[in-house]
């Protein structure tokens, strides 16, 4: 992980070393990114239910006061939702994910851009999840002893995995293309046959070699 002020190559703090090539680059789709990363649907549902409860509880005593109170709760809930939508848009616009033939690079950060390098030797398993909105997320599980900073990388992580953070490439509009590039790169780095990322986890050489030896 390193901070940087300039990018000689988009998404990278320095030129690639000889022999390393970019296989895929992409950025999150900001609206799905904000909705899922900040759980905005759940937050909105909470304030709607709270307003409905206030309205139902106060209707018999004073309908006008109940309506005004419910509207105040809706307005109160709309403020953080709008702010988080704006933060999600900024975070998505300043994010760039890169897959090379050797590593995954995540440029993240709104106020202070930083790049996180994840070499394939650190990747234990990768999974892809396709969402109903047409985007997809690629989740990375790291080898034991390999960690990233949860607070520095949030929200580009699986939620509630604080003790063992799992990086995520979130809300990709071309997730299947990124998944194919990653599966081919991981297989090439491990010297193993290509396995589909979606539906079947792609593991690195140390996880896959025992299975190959057994098959032989």
N, C-alpha and C. Protein backbone atom coordinates (compact mmCIF):
# COMPACT_ATOMS: atom_id res chain seq x y z
N UNK A 1 0.85 -1.18 0.00
CA UNK A 1 0.00 0.00 0.00
C UNK A 1 0.89 1.24 0.00
N UNK A 2 0.59 2.19 -0.89
CA UNK A 2 1.40 3.41 -0.93
C UNK A 2 0.56 4.57 -1.41
N UNK A 3 0.86 5.76 -0.87
CA UNK A 3 0.20 6.98 -1.29
C UNK A 3 0.97 7.56 -2.46
N UNK A 4 0.28 8.33 -3.31
CA UNK A 4 0.96 8.92 -4.45
C UNK A 4 0.24 10.18 -4.89
N UNK A 5 0.99 11.08 -5.53
CA UNK A 5 0.44 12.34 -6.02
C UNK A 5 0.23 12.35 -7.53
N UNK A 6 0.96 11.51 -8.26
CA UNK A 6 0.84 11.50 -9.71
C UNK A 6 0.78 10.07 -10.21
N UNK A 7 0.31 9.92 -11.44
CA UNK A 7 0.17 8.60 -12.04
C UNK A 7 0.77 8.62 -13.44
N UNK A 8 1.94 8.04 -13.61
CA UNK A 8 2.50 7.94 -14.96
C UNK A 8 1.67 7.03 -15.86
N UNK A 9 1.00 6.07 -15.24
CA UNK A 9 0.04 5.20 -15.92
C UNK A 9 -1.26 5.28 -15.13
N UNK A 10 -2.42 5.51 -15.77
CA UNK A 10 -3.68 5.61 -15.02
C UNK A 10 -3.89 4.43 -14.08
N UNK A 11 -4.13 4.74 -12.81
CA UNK A 11 -4.36 3.70 -11.83
C UNK A 11 -3.11 3.14 -11.19
N UNK A 12 -1.93 3.54 -11.67
CA UNK A 12 -0.67 3.00 -11.16
C UNK A 12 0.25 4.14 -10.74
N UNK A 13 0.99 3.97 -9.63
CA UNK A 13 1.87 5.05 -9.18
C UNK A 13 3.19 5.10 -9.93
N UNK A 14 3.46 4.11 -10.77
CA UNK A 14 4.72 4.07 -11.51
C UNK A 14 4.53 3.20 -12.74
N UNK A 15 5.50 3.29 -13.66
CA UNK A 15 5.43 2.46 -14.86
C UNK A 15 5.58 0.99 -14.49
N UNK A 16 4.94 0.14 -15.26
CA UNK A 16 5.05 -1.29 -15.01
C UNK A 16 6.46 -1.79 -15.30
N UNK A 17 6.95 -2.73 -14.51
CA UNK A 17 8.26 -3.31 -14.81
C UNK A 17 8.21 -4.13 -16.09
N UNK A 18 9.37 -4.39 -16.64
CA UNK A 18 9.45 -5.15 -17.88
C UNK A 18 8.83 -6.54 -17.70
N UNK A 19 8.02 -6.93 -18.64
CA UNK A 19 7.37 -8.23 -18.59
C UNK A 19 5.99 -8.22 -17.98
N UNK A 20 5.59 -7.11 -17.35
CA UNK A 20 4.26 -7.01 -16.76
C UNK A 20 3.35 -6.20 -17.67
N UNK A 21 2.16 -6.71 -17.92
CA UNK A 21 1.22 -6.04 -18.83
C UNK A 21 -0.15 -5.93 -18.16
N UNK A 22 -0.89 -4.91 -18.56
CA UNK A 22 -2.24 -4.72 -18.06
C UNK A 22 -3.20 -5.60 -18.87
N UNK A 23 -3.98 -6.41 -18.15
CA UNK A 23 -4.97 -7.27 -18.79
C UNK A 23 -6.37 -6.66 -18.76
N UNK A 24 -6.66 -5.89 -17.73
CA UNK A 24 -7.99 -5.30 -17.59
C UNK A 24 -7.90 -4.11 -16.63
N UNK A 25 -8.66 -3.08 -16.92
CA UNK A 25 -8.84 -1.94 -16.02
C UNK A 25 -10.31 -1.54 -16.01
N UNK A 26 -10.78 -1.12 -14.87
CA UNK A 26 -12.17 -0.68 -14.80
C UNK A 26 -12.46 0.04 -13.50
N UNK A 27 -13.57 0.75 -13.49
CA UNK A 27 -14.01 1.52 -12.32
C UNK A 27 -15.40 1.07 -11.93
N UNK A 28 -15.78 1.27 -10.67
CA UNK A 28 -17.13 0.91 -10.24
C UNK A 28 -18.19 1.77 -10.91
N UNK A 29 -19.36 1.20 -11.06
CA UNK A 29 -20.54 1.97 -11.43
C UNK A 29 -21.04 2.65 -10.16
N UNK A 30 -21.09 3.99 -10.14
CA UNK A 30 -21.20 4.71 -8.88
C UNK A 30 -22.50 4.44 -8.12
N UNK A 31 -23.63 4.34 -8.82
CA UNK A 31 -24.90 4.17 -8.10
C UNK A 31 -24.99 2.82 -7.39
N UNK A 32 -24.75 1.69 -8.09
CA UNK A 32 -24.72 0.41 -7.36
C UNK A 32 -23.65 0.37 -6.29
N UNK A 33 -22.50 1.01 -6.56
CA UNK A 33 -21.43 1.06 -5.57
C UNK A 33 -21.92 1.73 -4.29
N UNK A 34 -22.54 2.89 -4.42
CA UNK A 34 -23.01 3.62 -3.24
C UNK A 34 -24.12 2.86 -2.52
N UNK A 35 -25.05 2.29 -3.27
CA UNK A 35 -26.18 1.60 -2.65
C UNK A 35 -25.73 0.41 -1.82
N UNK A 36 -24.80 -0.39 -2.37
CA UNK A 36 -24.40 -1.60 -1.66
C UNK A 36 -23.30 -1.35 -0.64
N UNK A 37 -22.34 -0.52 -0.98
CA UNK A 37 -21.22 -0.29 -0.05
C UNK A 37 -21.68 0.39 1.23
N UNK A 38 -22.66 1.29 1.12
CA UNK A 38 -23.13 2.03 2.28
C UNK A 38 -24.49 1.54 2.78
N UNK A 39 -24.99 0.44 2.20
CA UNK A 39 -26.26 -0.17 2.63
C UNK A 39 -27.39 0.86 2.67
N UNK A 40 -27.51 1.62 1.58
CA UNK A 40 -28.48 2.71 1.58
C UNK A 40 -29.92 2.21 1.52
N UNK A 41 -30.16 1.08 0.89
CA UNK A 41 -31.53 0.55 0.87
C UNK A 41 -31.99 0.20 2.28
N UNK A 42 -31.12 -0.43 3.04
CA UNK A 42 -31.47 -0.76 4.42
C UNK A 42 -31.67 0.48 5.28
N UNK A 43 -30.83 1.49 5.06
CA UNK A 43 -30.97 2.73 5.81
C UNK A 43 -32.28 3.43 5.48
N UNK A 44 -32.63 3.46 4.19
CA UNK A 44 -33.89 4.08 3.78
C UNK A 44 -35.07 3.31 4.35
N UNK A 45 -35.01 1.98 4.31
CA UNK A 45 -36.10 1.16 4.84
C UNK A 45 -36.27 1.41 6.35
N UNK A 46 -35.17 1.59 7.05
CA UNK A 46 -35.25 1.84 8.49
C UNK A 46 -36.03 3.13 8.78
N UNK A 47 -35.72 4.21 8.08
CA UNK A 47 -36.40 5.47 8.34
C UNK A 47 -37.86 5.42 7.88
N UNK A 48 -38.14 4.71 6.80
CA UNK A 48 -39.53 4.58 6.36
C UNK A 48 -40.34 3.81 7.41
N UNK A 49 -39.79 2.72 7.92
CA UNK A 49 -40.50 1.95 8.95
C UNK A 49 -40.66 2.76 10.23
N UNK A 50 -39.63 3.53 10.57
CA UNK A 50 -39.73 4.37 11.77
C UNK A 50 -40.81 5.43 11.60
N UNK A 51 -40.89 6.03 10.41
CA UNK A 51 -41.93 7.03 10.16
C UNK A 51 -43.31 6.40 10.17
N UNK A 52 -43.44 5.20 9.60
CA UNK A 52 -44.74 4.51 9.59
C UNK A 52 -45.18 4.16 11.01
N UNK A 53 -44.24 3.72 11.84
CA UNK A 53 -44.59 3.42 13.23
C UNK A 53 -45.04 4.68 13.96
N UNK A 54 -44.33 5.80 13.76
CA UNK A 54 -44.69 7.06 14.41
C UNK A 54 -46.08 7.51 13.96
N UNK A 55 -46.35 7.35 12.66
CA UNK A 55 -47.65 7.76 12.12
C UNK A 55 -48.77 6.90 12.71
N UNK A 56 -48.55 5.60 12.76
CA UNK A 56 -49.59 4.71 13.29
C UNK A 56 -49.81 4.93 14.79
N UNK A 57 -48.72 5.15 15.52
CA UNK A 57 -48.84 5.31 16.97
C UNK A 57 -49.53 6.62 17.35
N UNK A 58 -49.32 7.67 16.57
CA UNK A 58 -49.86 8.97 16.94
C UNK A 58 -51.13 9.37 16.22
N UNK A 59 -51.60 8.53 15.30
CA UNK A 59 -52.75 8.92 14.48
C UNK A 59 -54.01 9.13 15.31
N UNK A 60 -54.26 8.24 16.25
CA UNK A 60 -55.51 8.34 17.03
C UNK A 60 -55.52 9.56 17.93
N UNK A 61 -54.36 10.00 18.42
CA UNK A 61 -54.30 11.15 19.31
C UNK A 61 -54.35 12.47 18.54
N UNK A 62 -53.53 12.60 17.50
CA UNK A 62 -53.47 13.86 16.73
C UNK A 62 -52.94 13.53 15.33
N UNK A 63 -53.85 13.32 14.36
CA UNK A 63 -53.41 12.94 13.01
C UNK A 63 -52.44 13.94 12.38
N UNK A 64 -52.70 15.24 12.57
CA UNK A 64 -51.83 16.25 11.96
C UNK A 64 -50.42 16.18 12.54
N UNK A 65 -50.34 16.06 13.87
CA UNK A 65 -49.02 15.96 14.50
C UNK A 65 -48.31 14.69 14.08
N UNK A 66 -49.07 13.60 13.91
CA UNK A 66 -48.47 12.33 13.48
C UNK A 66 -47.89 12.44 12.08
N UNK A 67 -48.62 13.11 11.18
CA UNK A 67 -48.13 13.27 9.82
C UNK A 67 -46.88 14.14 9.79
N UNK A 68 -46.91 15.25 10.55
CA UNK A 68 -45.74 16.13 10.58
C UNK A 68 -44.53 15.42 11.18
N UNK A 69 -44.76 14.63 12.21
CA UNK A 69 -43.66 13.89 12.82
C UNK A 69 -43.08 12.86 11.87
N UNK A 70 -43.95 12.18 11.13
CA UNK A 70 -43.47 11.19 10.15
C UNK A 70 -42.67 11.88 9.05
N UNK A 71 -43.13 13.04 8.60
CA UNK A 71 -42.40 13.78 7.56
C UNK A 71 -41.04 14.24 8.07
N UNK A 72 -40.98 14.64 9.34
CA UNK A 72 -39.69 15.04 9.91
C UNK A 72 -38.71 13.87 9.93
N UNK A 73 -39.21 12.69 10.26
CA UNK A 73 -38.35 11.51 10.27
C UNK A 73 -37.85 11.16 8.87
N UNK A 74 -38.74 11.29 7.88
CA UNK A 74 -38.33 11.02 6.49
C UNK A 74 -37.26 12.02 6.05
N UNK A 75 -37.47 13.30 6.42
CA UNK A 75 -36.48 14.32 6.07
C UNK A 75 -35.15 14.06 6.77
N UNK A 76 -35.23 13.70 8.04
CA UNK A 76 -34.02 13.39 8.80
C UNK A 76 -33.26 12.23 8.17
N UNK A 77 -33.99 11.23 7.69
CA UNK A 77 -33.33 10.09 7.05
C UNK A 77 -32.77 10.43 5.68
N UNK A 78 -33.40 11.37 5.00
CA UNK A 78 -32.95 11.71 3.64
C UNK A 78 -31.58 12.40 3.67
N UNK A 79 -31.28 13.12 4.74
CA UNK A 79 -30.01 13.86 4.80
C UNK A 79 -28.81 12.93 4.74
N UNK A 80 -28.67 11.92 5.62
CA UNK A 80 -27.50 11.04 5.51
C UNK A 80 -27.49 10.22 4.23
N UNK A 81 -28.67 9.88 3.72
CA UNK A 81 -28.71 9.11 2.48
C UNK A 81 -28.15 9.91 1.32
N UNK A 82 -28.55 11.18 1.22
CA UNK A 82 -28.03 12.05 0.15
C UNK A 82 -26.52 12.25 0.31
N UNK A 83 -26.07 12.46 1.55
CA UNK A 83 -24.64 12.65 1.79
C UNK A 83 -23.86 11.39 1.41
N UNK A 84 -24.37 10.22 1.77
CA UNK A 84 -23.68 8.98 1.45
C UNK A 84 -23.71 8.70 -0.05
N UNK A 85 -24.78 9.09 -0.72
CA UNK A 85 -24.81 8.96 -2.18
C UNK A 85 -23.71 9.81 -2.82
N UNK A 86 -23.56 11.03 -2.32
CA UNK A 86 -22.49 11.89 -2.83
C UNK A 86 -21.11 11.32 -2.55
N UNK A 87 -20.92 10.79 -1.34
CA UNK A 87 -19.64 10.17 -1.01
C UNK A 87 -19.38 8.95 -1.87
N UNK A 88 -20.43 8.16 -2.12
CA UNK A 88 -20.27 7.00 -2.98
C UNK A 88 -19.91 7.37 -4.40
N UNK A 89 -20.48 8.44 -4.90
CA UNK A 89 -20.14 8.89 -6.26
C UNK A 89 -18.69 9.34 -6.33
N UNK A 90 -18.25 10.09 -5.33
CA UNK A 90 -16.85 10.53 -5.31
C UNK A 90 -15.90 9.33 -5.20
N UNK A 91 -16.24 8.39 -4.32
CA UNK A 91 -15.39 7.21 -4.14
C UNK A 91 -15.30 6.39 -5.42
N UNK A 92 -16.42 6.23 -6.11
CA UNK A 92 -16.41 5.46 -7.35
C UNK A 92 -15.62 6.17 -8.45
N UNK A 93 -15.75 7.49 -8.52
CA UNK A 93 -15.07 8.25 -9.58
C UNK A 93 -13.56 8.31 -9.36
N UNK A 94 -13.10 8.17 -8.13
CA UNK A 94 -11.67 8.21 -7.86
C UNK A 94 -11.06 6.82 -7.74
N UNK A 95 -11.84 5.79 -8.01
CA UNK A 95 -11.37 4.41 -7.91
C UNK A 95 -11.04 3.86 -9.29
N UNK A 96 -9.95 3.13 -9.37
CA UNK A 96 -9.61 2.42 -10.60
C UNK A 96 -8.97 1.09 -10.22
N UNK A 97 -9.57 0.01 -10.71
CA UNK A 97 -9.04 -1.33 -10.46
C UNK A 97 -8.25 -1.78 -11.68
N UNK A 98 -7.13 -2.44 -11.43
CA UNK A 98 -6.26 -2.92 -12.52
C UNK A 98 -5.88 -4.37 -12.26
N UNK A 99 -5.97 -5.18 -13.30
CA UNK A 99 -5.49 -6.56 -13.24
C UNK A 99 -4.36 -6.69 -14.26
N UNK A 100 -3.18 -7.06 -13.79
CA UNK A 100 -2.06 -7.33 -14.68
C UNK A 100 -1.81 -8.84 -14.71
N UNK A 101 -0.78 -9.23 -15.40
CA UNK A 101 -0.44 -10.65 -15.43
C UNK A 101 0.31 -11.10 -14.18
N UNK A 102 0.48 -10.17 -13.20
CA UNK A 102 1.21 -10.52 -11.98
C UNK A 102 0.48 -10.14 -10.69
N UNK A 103 -0.45 -9.20 -10.76
CA UNK A 103 -1.03 -8.69 -9.54
C UNK A 103 -2.35 -7.98 -9.81
N UNK A 104 -3.01 -7.61 -8.72
CA UNK A 104 -4.20 -6.77 -8.74
C UNK A 104 -3.82 -5.45 -8.07
N UNK A 105 -4.13 -4.35 -8.72
CA UNK A 105 -3.82 -3.02 -8.18
C UNK A 105 -5.13 -2.27 -7.99
N UNK A 106 -5.32 -1.73 -6.79
CA UNK A 106 -6.54 -0.99 -6.48
C UNK A 106 -6.15 0.43 -6.12
N UNK A 107 -6.51 1.39 -6.97
CA UNK A 107 -6.31 2.80 -6.63
C UNK A 107 -7.59 3.30 -5.97
N UNK A 108 -7.50 3.66 -4.71
CA UNK A 108 -8.67 4.05 -3.93
C UNK A 108 -8.34 5.33 -3.16
N UNK A 109 -9.38 5.94 -2.61
CA UNK A 109 -9.17 7.14 -1.79
C UNK A 109 -9.72 8.38 -2.45
N UNK A 110 -10.52 9.15 -1.72
CA UNK A 110 -11.11 10.38 -2.25
C UNK A 110 -10.18 11.57 -2.00
N UNK A 111 -9.87 11.84 -0.76
CA UNK A 111 -9.02 12.99 -0.42
C UNK A 111 -7.55 12.68 -0.63
N UNK A 112 -7.15 11.45 -0.34
CA UNK A 112 -5.75 11.06 -0.42
C UNK A 112 -5.63 9.76 -1.20
N UNK A 113 -5.39 9.82 -2.51
CA UNK A 113 -5.32 8.60 -3.31
C UNK A 113 -4.17 7.69 -2.86
N UNK A 114 -4.42 6.41 -2.88
CA UNK A 114 -3.37 5.44 -2.58
C UNK A 114 -3.61 4.21 -3.45
N UNK A 115 -2.54 3.47 -3.66
CA UNK A 115 -2.65 2.24 -4.43
C UNK A 115 -2.34 1.06 -3.52
N UNK A 116 -3.11 0.00 -3.70
CA UNK A 116 -2.92 -1.23 -2.96
C UNK A 116 -2.54 -2.31 -3.96
N UNK A 117 -1.36 -2.88 -3.80
CA UNK A 117 -0.88 -3.94 -4.68
C UNK A 117 -1.13 -5.29 -4.03
N UNK A 118 -1.80 -6.17 -4.73
CA UNK A 118 -2.07 -7.52 -4.23
C UNK A 118 -1.47 -8.50 -5.22
N UNK A 119 -0.25 -8.99 -4.98
CA UNK A 119 0.34 -9.97 -5.90
C UNK A 119 -0.44 -11.28 -5.87
N UNK A 120 -0.40 -12.00 -6.96
CA UNK A 120 -1.15 -13.24 -7.05
C UNK A 120 -0.70 -14.26 -6.00
N UNK A 121 0.55 -14.17 -5.55
CA UNK A 121 1.03 -15.08 -4.51
C UNK A 121 0.31 -14.87 -3.19
N UNK A 122 -0.36 -13.70 -3.03
CA UNK A 122 -1.10 -13.41 -1.80
C UNK A 122 -2.56 -13.81 -1.88
N UNK A 123 -3.03 -14.20 -3.06
CA UNK A 123 -4.45 -14.52 -3.25
C UNK A 123 -4.68 -16.01 -3.01
N UNK A 124 -5.49 -16.29 -2.02
CA UNK A 124 -5.84 -17.69 -1.75
C UNK A 124 -7.03 -18.13 -2.59
N UNK A 125 -8.03 -17.25 -2.70
CA UNK A 125 -9.24 -17.61 -3.44
C UNK A 125 -9.91 -16.34 -3.95
N UNK A 126 -10.56 -16.46 -5.10
CA UNK A 126 -11.31 -15.34 -5.67
C UNK A 126 -12.68 -15.83 -6.10
N UNK A 127 -13.69 -15.08 -5.79
CA UNK A 127 -15.07 -15.41 -6.16
C UNK A 127 -15.72 -14.20 -6.83
N UNK A 128 -16.67 -14.46 -7.70
CA UNK A 128 -17.41 -13.38 -8.35
C UNK A 128 -18.88 -13.54 -8.04
N UNK A 129 -19.53 -12.43 -7.74
CA UNK A 129 -20.96 -12.41 -7.49
C UNK A 129 -21.61 -11.44 -8.46
N UNK A 130 -22.56 -11.92 -9.23
CA UNK A 130 -23.29 -11.08 -10.16
C UNK A 130 -24.56 -10.57 -9.50
N UNK A 131 -24.87 -9.29 -9.70
CA UNK A 131 -26.01 -8.66 -9.07
C UNK A 131 -27.13 -8.42 -10.08
N UNK A 132 -28.32 -8.21 -9.56
CA UNK A 132 -29.49 -8.04 -10.41
C UNK A 132 -29.41 -6.77 -11.26
N UNK A 133 -28.63 -5.78 -10.82
CA UNK A 133 -28.53 -4.52 -11.58
C UNK A 133 -27.55 -4.62 -12.74
N UNK A 134 -26.97 -5.79 -12.98
CA UNK A 134 -26.06 -5.98 -14.11
C UNK A 134 -24.60 -5.80 -13.76
N UNK A 135 -24.30 -5.36 -12.55
CA UNK A 135 -22.90 -5.24 -12.12
C UNK A 135 -22.49 -6.50 -11.37
N UNK A 136 -21.23 -6.56 -11.03
CA UNK A 136 -20.72 -7.71 -10.29
C UNK A 136 -19.61 -7.31 -9.35
N UNK A 137 -19.38 -8.13 -8.35
CA UNK A 137 -18.32 -7.91 -7.37
C UNK A 137 -17.35 -9.09 -7.42
N UNK A 138 -16.06 -8.80 -7.34
CA UNK A 138 -15.04 -9.84 -7.24
C UNK A 138 -14.45 -9.77 -5.83
N UNK A 139 -14.57 -10.85 -5.10
CA UNK A 139 -14.11 -10.92 -3.72
C UNK A 139 -12.80 -11.70 -3.66
N UNK A 140 -11.85 -11.19 -2.91
CA UNK A 140 -10.54 -11.81 -2.80
C UNK A 140 -10.30 -12.26 -1.36
N UNK A 141 -9.91 -13.51 -1.20
CA UNK A 141 -9.50 -14.01 0.10
C UNK A 141 -8.00 -14.20 0.07
N UNK A 142 -7.31 -13.60 1.03
CA UNK A 142 -5.86 -13.60 1.02
C UNK A 142 -5.28 -14.79 1.79
N UNK A 143 -4.03 -15.10 1.46
CA UNK A 143 -3.33 -16.17 2.15
C UNK A 143 -3.13 -15.81 3.62
N UNK A 144 -3.04 -16.81 4.51
CA UNK A 144 -2.79 -16.52 5.92
C UNK A 144 -1.52 -15.69 6.09
N UNK A 145 -1.61 -14.69 6.93
CA UNK A 145 -0.48 -13.81 7.17
C UNK A 145 -0.40 -12.62 6.24
N UNK A 146 -1.23 -12.60 5.20
CA UNK A 146 -1.27 -11.46 4.28
C UNK A 146 -2.50 -10.63 4.61
N UNK A 147 -2.30 -9.38 4.95
CA UNK A 147 -3.41 -8.53 5.38
C UNK A 147 -3.37 -7.18 4.67
N UNK A 148 -4.52 -6.57 4.59
CA UNK A 148 -4.63 -5.18 4.15
C UNK A 148 -5.31 -4.40 5.26
N UNK A 149 -5.16 -3.09 5.25
CA UNK A 149 -5.76 -2.26 6.28
C UNK A 149 -7.25 -2.09 6.00
N UNK A 150 -8.09 -2.48 6.96
CA UNK A 150 -9.54 -2.37 6.78
C UNK A 150 -9.96 -0.92 6.64
N UNK A 151 -9.43 -0.06 7.50
CA UNK A 151 -9.89 1.34 7.51
C UNK A 151 -9.35 2.11 6.31
N UNK A 152 -8.16 1.76 5.84
CA UNK A 152 -7.62 2.45 4.68
C UNK A 152 -8.34 2.06 3.40
N UNK A 153 -8.81 0.81 3.31
CA UNK A 153 -9.41 0.32 2.07
C UNK A 153 -10.94 0.38 2.05
N UNK A 154 -11.57 0.59 3.21
CA UNK A 154 -13.03 0.67 3.23
C UNK A 154 -13.50 1.78 2.29
N UNK A 155 -14.54 1.58 1.46
CA UNK A 155 -15.47 0.45 1.45
C UNK A 155 -15.17 -0.62 0.38
N UNK A 156 -13.92 -0.75 -0.01
CA UNK A 156 -13.57 -1.73 -1.03
C UNK A 156 -13.22 -3.08 -0.38
N UNK A 157 -14.09 -3.50 0.54
CA UNK A 157 -13.88 -4.72 1.31
C UNK A 157 -15.22 -5.38 1.59
N UNK A 158 -15.19 -6.67 1.88
CA UNK A 158 -16.39 -7.33 2.39
C UNK A 158 -16.70 -6.78 3.77
N UNK A 159 -17.97 -6.53 4.01
CA UNK A 159 -18.36 -5.96 5.29
C UNK A 159 -18.20 -6.99 6.40
N UNK A 160 -17.93 -6.48 7.60
CA UNK A 160 -17.86 -7.27 8.83
C UNK A 160 -16.75 -8.30 8.83
N UNK A 161 -15.73 -8.11 8.00
CA UNK A 161 -14.54 -8.97 8.03
C UNK A 161 -13.36 -8.14 8.53
N UNK A 162 -13.49 -7.59 9.73
CA UNK A 162 -12.50 -6.65 10.23
C UNK A 162 -11.21 -7.36 10.61
N UNK A 163 -11.31 -8.52 11.26
CA UNK A 163 -10.12 -9.21 11.72
C UNK A 163 -9.32 -9.82 10.57
N UNK A 164 -9.99 -10.17 9.50
CA UNK A 164 -9.32 -10.75 8.33
C UNK A 164 -9.91 -10.12 7.07
N UNK A 165 -9.55 -8.87 6.75
CA UNK A 165 -10.20 -8.14 5.65
C UNK A 165 -10.06 -8.85 4.31
N UNK A 166 -11.14 -8.81 3.54
CA UNK A 166 -11.17 -9.42 2.21
C UNK A 166 -11.44 -8.32 1.18
N UNK A 167 -10.43 -7.93 0.40
CA UNK A 167 -10.63 -6.88 -0.61
C UNK A 167 -11.70 -7.26 -1.62
N UNK A 168 -12.37 -6.24 -2.16
CA UNK A 168 -13.41 -6.44 -3.16
C UNK A 168 -13.25 -5.44 -4.29
N UNK A 169 -13.41 -5.90 -5.50
CA UNK A 169 -13.58 -5.03 -6.66
C UNK A 169 -15.08 -4.88 -6.82
N UNK A 170 -15.62 -3.75 -6.42
CA UNK A 170 -17.06 -3.56 -6.27
C UNK A 170 -17.72 -2.99 -7.52
N UNK A 171 -18.98 -3.42 -7.71
CA UNK A 171 -19.91 -2.80 -8.66
C UNK A 171 -19.30 -2.64 -10.05
N UNK A 172 -18.69 -3.70 -10.57
CA UNK A 172 -18.06 -3.63 -11.89
C UNK A 172 -19.13 -3.77 -12.98
N UNK A 173 -19.20 -2.84 -13.92
CA UNK A 173 -20.17 -2.97 -15.00
C UNK A 173 -19.82 -4.10 -15.98
N UNK A 174 -18.54 -4.50 -16.02
CA UNK A 174 -18.11 -5.59 -16.90
C UNK A 174 -17.43 -6.67 -16.06
N UNK A 175 -18.13 -7.11 -15.02
CA UNK A 175 -17.55 -8.05 -14.06
C UNK A 175 -17.12 -9.36 -14.71
N UNK A 176 -17.89 -9.84 -15.68
CA UNK A 176 -17.54 -11.13 -16.30
C UNK A 176 -16.25 -11.01 -17.11
N UNK A 177 -16.04 -9.86 -17.75
CA UNK A 177 -14.79 -9.65 -18.48
C UNK A 177 -13.63 -9.61 -17.49
N UNK A 178 -13.80 -8.88 -16.38
CA UNK A 178 -12.75 -8.82 -15.36
C UNK A 178 -12.51 -10.19 -14.76
N UNK A 179 -13.58 -10.96 -14.54
CA UNK A 179 -13.43 -12.29 -13.98
C UNK A 179 -12.65 -13.22 -14.88
N UNK A 180 -12.91 -13.15 -16.19
CA UNK A 180 -12.16 -13.99 -17.13
C UNK A 180 -10.68 -13.60 -17.13
N UNK A 181 -10.42 -12.29 -17.13
CA UNK A 181 -9.02 -11.84 -17.13
C UNK A 181 -8.31 -12.31 -15.86
N UNK A 182 -8.98 -12.22 -14.72
CA UNK A 182 -8.36 -12.62 -13.47
C UNK A 182 -8.15 -14.13 -13.40
N UNK A 183 -9.15 -14.88 -13.83
CA UNK A 183 -8.99 -16.34 -13.79
C UNK A 183 -7.86 -16.81 -14.69
N UNK A 184 -7.73 -16.22 -15.87
CA UNK A 184 -6.63 -16.59 -16.77
C UNK A 184 -5.28 -16.18 -16.18
N UNK A 185 -5.23 -14.98 -15.56
CA UNK A 185 -3.97 -14.52 -14.98
C UNK A 185 -3.56 -15.38 -13.79
N UNK A 186 -4.51 -15.72 -12.92
CA UNK A 186 -4.20 -16.57 -11.78
C UNK A 186 -3.75 -17.95 -12.23
N UNK A 187 -4.42 -18.49 -13.24
CA UNK A 187 -4.04 -19.81 -13.75
C UNK A 187 -2.66 -19.76 -14.38
N UNK A 188 -2.37 -18.68 -15.12
CA UNK A 188 -1.05 -18.57 -15.73
C UNK A 188 0.05 -18.43 -14.70
N UNK A 189 -0.23 -17.65 -13.63
CA UNK A 189 0.78 -17.47 -12.59
C UNK A 189 1.01 -18.76 -11.81
N UNK A 190 -0.05 -19.58 -11.69
CA UNK A 190 0.08 -20.82 -10.93
C UNK A 190 0.51 -22.00 -11.80
N UNK A 191 0.51 -21.82 -13.11
CA UNK A 191 0.84 -22.92 -14.00
C UNK A 191 -0.23 -23.99 -14.01
N UNK A 192 -1.48 -23.59 -13.81
CA UNK A 192 -2.60 -24.53 -13.75
C UNK A 192 -3.59 -24.23 -14.87
N UNK A 193 -4.47 -25.17 -15.23
CA UNK A 193 -5.50 -24.89 -16.22
C UNK A 193 -6.44 -23.79 -15.75
N UNK A 194 -6.98 -23.05 -16.70
CA UNK A 194 -7.91 -21.97 -16.39
C UNK A 194 -9.20 -22.54 -15.84
N UNK A 195 -9.68 -21.96 -14.73
CA UNK A 195 -10.95 -22.36 -14.14
C UNK A 195 -11.85 -21.14 -14.07
N UNK A 196 -13.14 -21.32 -14.31
CA UNK A 196 -14.07 -20.20 -14.33
C UNK A 196 -14.15 -19.55 -12.96
N UNK A 197 -14.14 -18.23 -12.94
CA UNK A 197 -14.21 -17.51 -11.67
C UNK A 197 -15.61 -17.55 -11.11
N UNK A 198 -16.63 -17.42 -11.97
CA UNK A 198 -18.01 -17.39 -11.50
C UNK A 198 -18.48 -18.81 -11.23
N UNK A 199 -18.93 -19.05 -10.02
CA UNK A 199 -19.45 -20.36 -9.67
C UNK A 199 -18.41 -21.29 -9.10
N UNK A 200 -17.18 -21.19 -9.56
CA UNK A 200 -16.10 -22.02 -9.05
C UNK A 200 -14.96 -21.13 -8.62
N UNK A 201 -14.59 -21.17 -7.33
CA UNK A 201 -13.49 -20.32 -6.88
C UNK A 201 -12.20 -20.64 -7.62
N UNK A 202 -11.42 -19.59 -7.90
CA UNK A 202 -10.10 -19.76 -8.49
C UNK A 202 -9.08 -19.65 -7.38
N UNK A 203 -8.27 -20.67 -7.20
CA UNK A 203 -7.31 -20.68 -6.12
C UNK A 203 -5.91 -20.58 -6.69
N UNK A 204 -4.99 -20.13 -5.88
CA UNK A 204 -3.64 -19.99 -6.35
C UNK A 204 -2.93 -21.35 -6.35
N UNK A 205 -1.67 -21.36 -6.73
CA UNK A 205 -0.96 -22.61 -6.93
C UNK A 205 -0.88 -23.42 -5.65
N UNK A 206 -0.66 -22.75 -4.51
CA UNK A 206 -0.49 -23.49 -3.29
C UNK A 206 -1.78 -24.17 -2.85
N UNK A 207 -2.94 -23.59 -3.21
CA UNK A 207 -4.20 -24.22 -2.87
C UNK A 207 -4.57 -25.29 -3.87
N UNK A 208 -4.16 -25.15 -5.13
CA UNK A 208 -4.61 -26.05 -6.18
C UNK A 208 -3.67 -27.23 -6.40
N UNK A 209 -2.41 -27.09 -6.07
CA UNK A 209 -1.46 -28.15 -6.37
C UNK A 209 -1.78 -29.48 -5.69
N UNK A 210 -2.25 -29.51 -4.42
CA UNK A 210 -2.60 -30.80 -3.85
C UNK A 210 -3.68 -31.53 -4.61
N UNK A 211 -4.67 -30.77 -5.16
CA UNK A 211 -5.72 -31.40 -5.93
C UNK A 211 -5.14 -31.98 -7.23
N UNK A 212 -4.22 -31.21 -7.85
CA UNK A 212 -3.63 -31.70 -9.09
C UNK A 212 -2.81 -32.94 -8.84
N UNK A 213 -2.07 -32.99 -7.71
CA UNK A 213 -1.26 -34.15 -7.41
C UNK A 213 -2.13 -35.37 -7.17
N UNK A 214 -3.27 -35.16 -6.51
CA UNK A 214 -4.16 -36.28 -6.26
C UNK A 214 -4.73 -36.83 -7.54
N UNK A 215 -5.07 -35.90 -8.47
CA UNK A 215 -5.64 -36.33 -9.74
C UNK A 215 -4.63 -37.12 -10.55
N UNK A 216 -3.33 -36.73 -10.45
CA UNK A 216 -2.31 -37.42 -11.20
C UNK A 216 -2.10 -38.83 -10.64
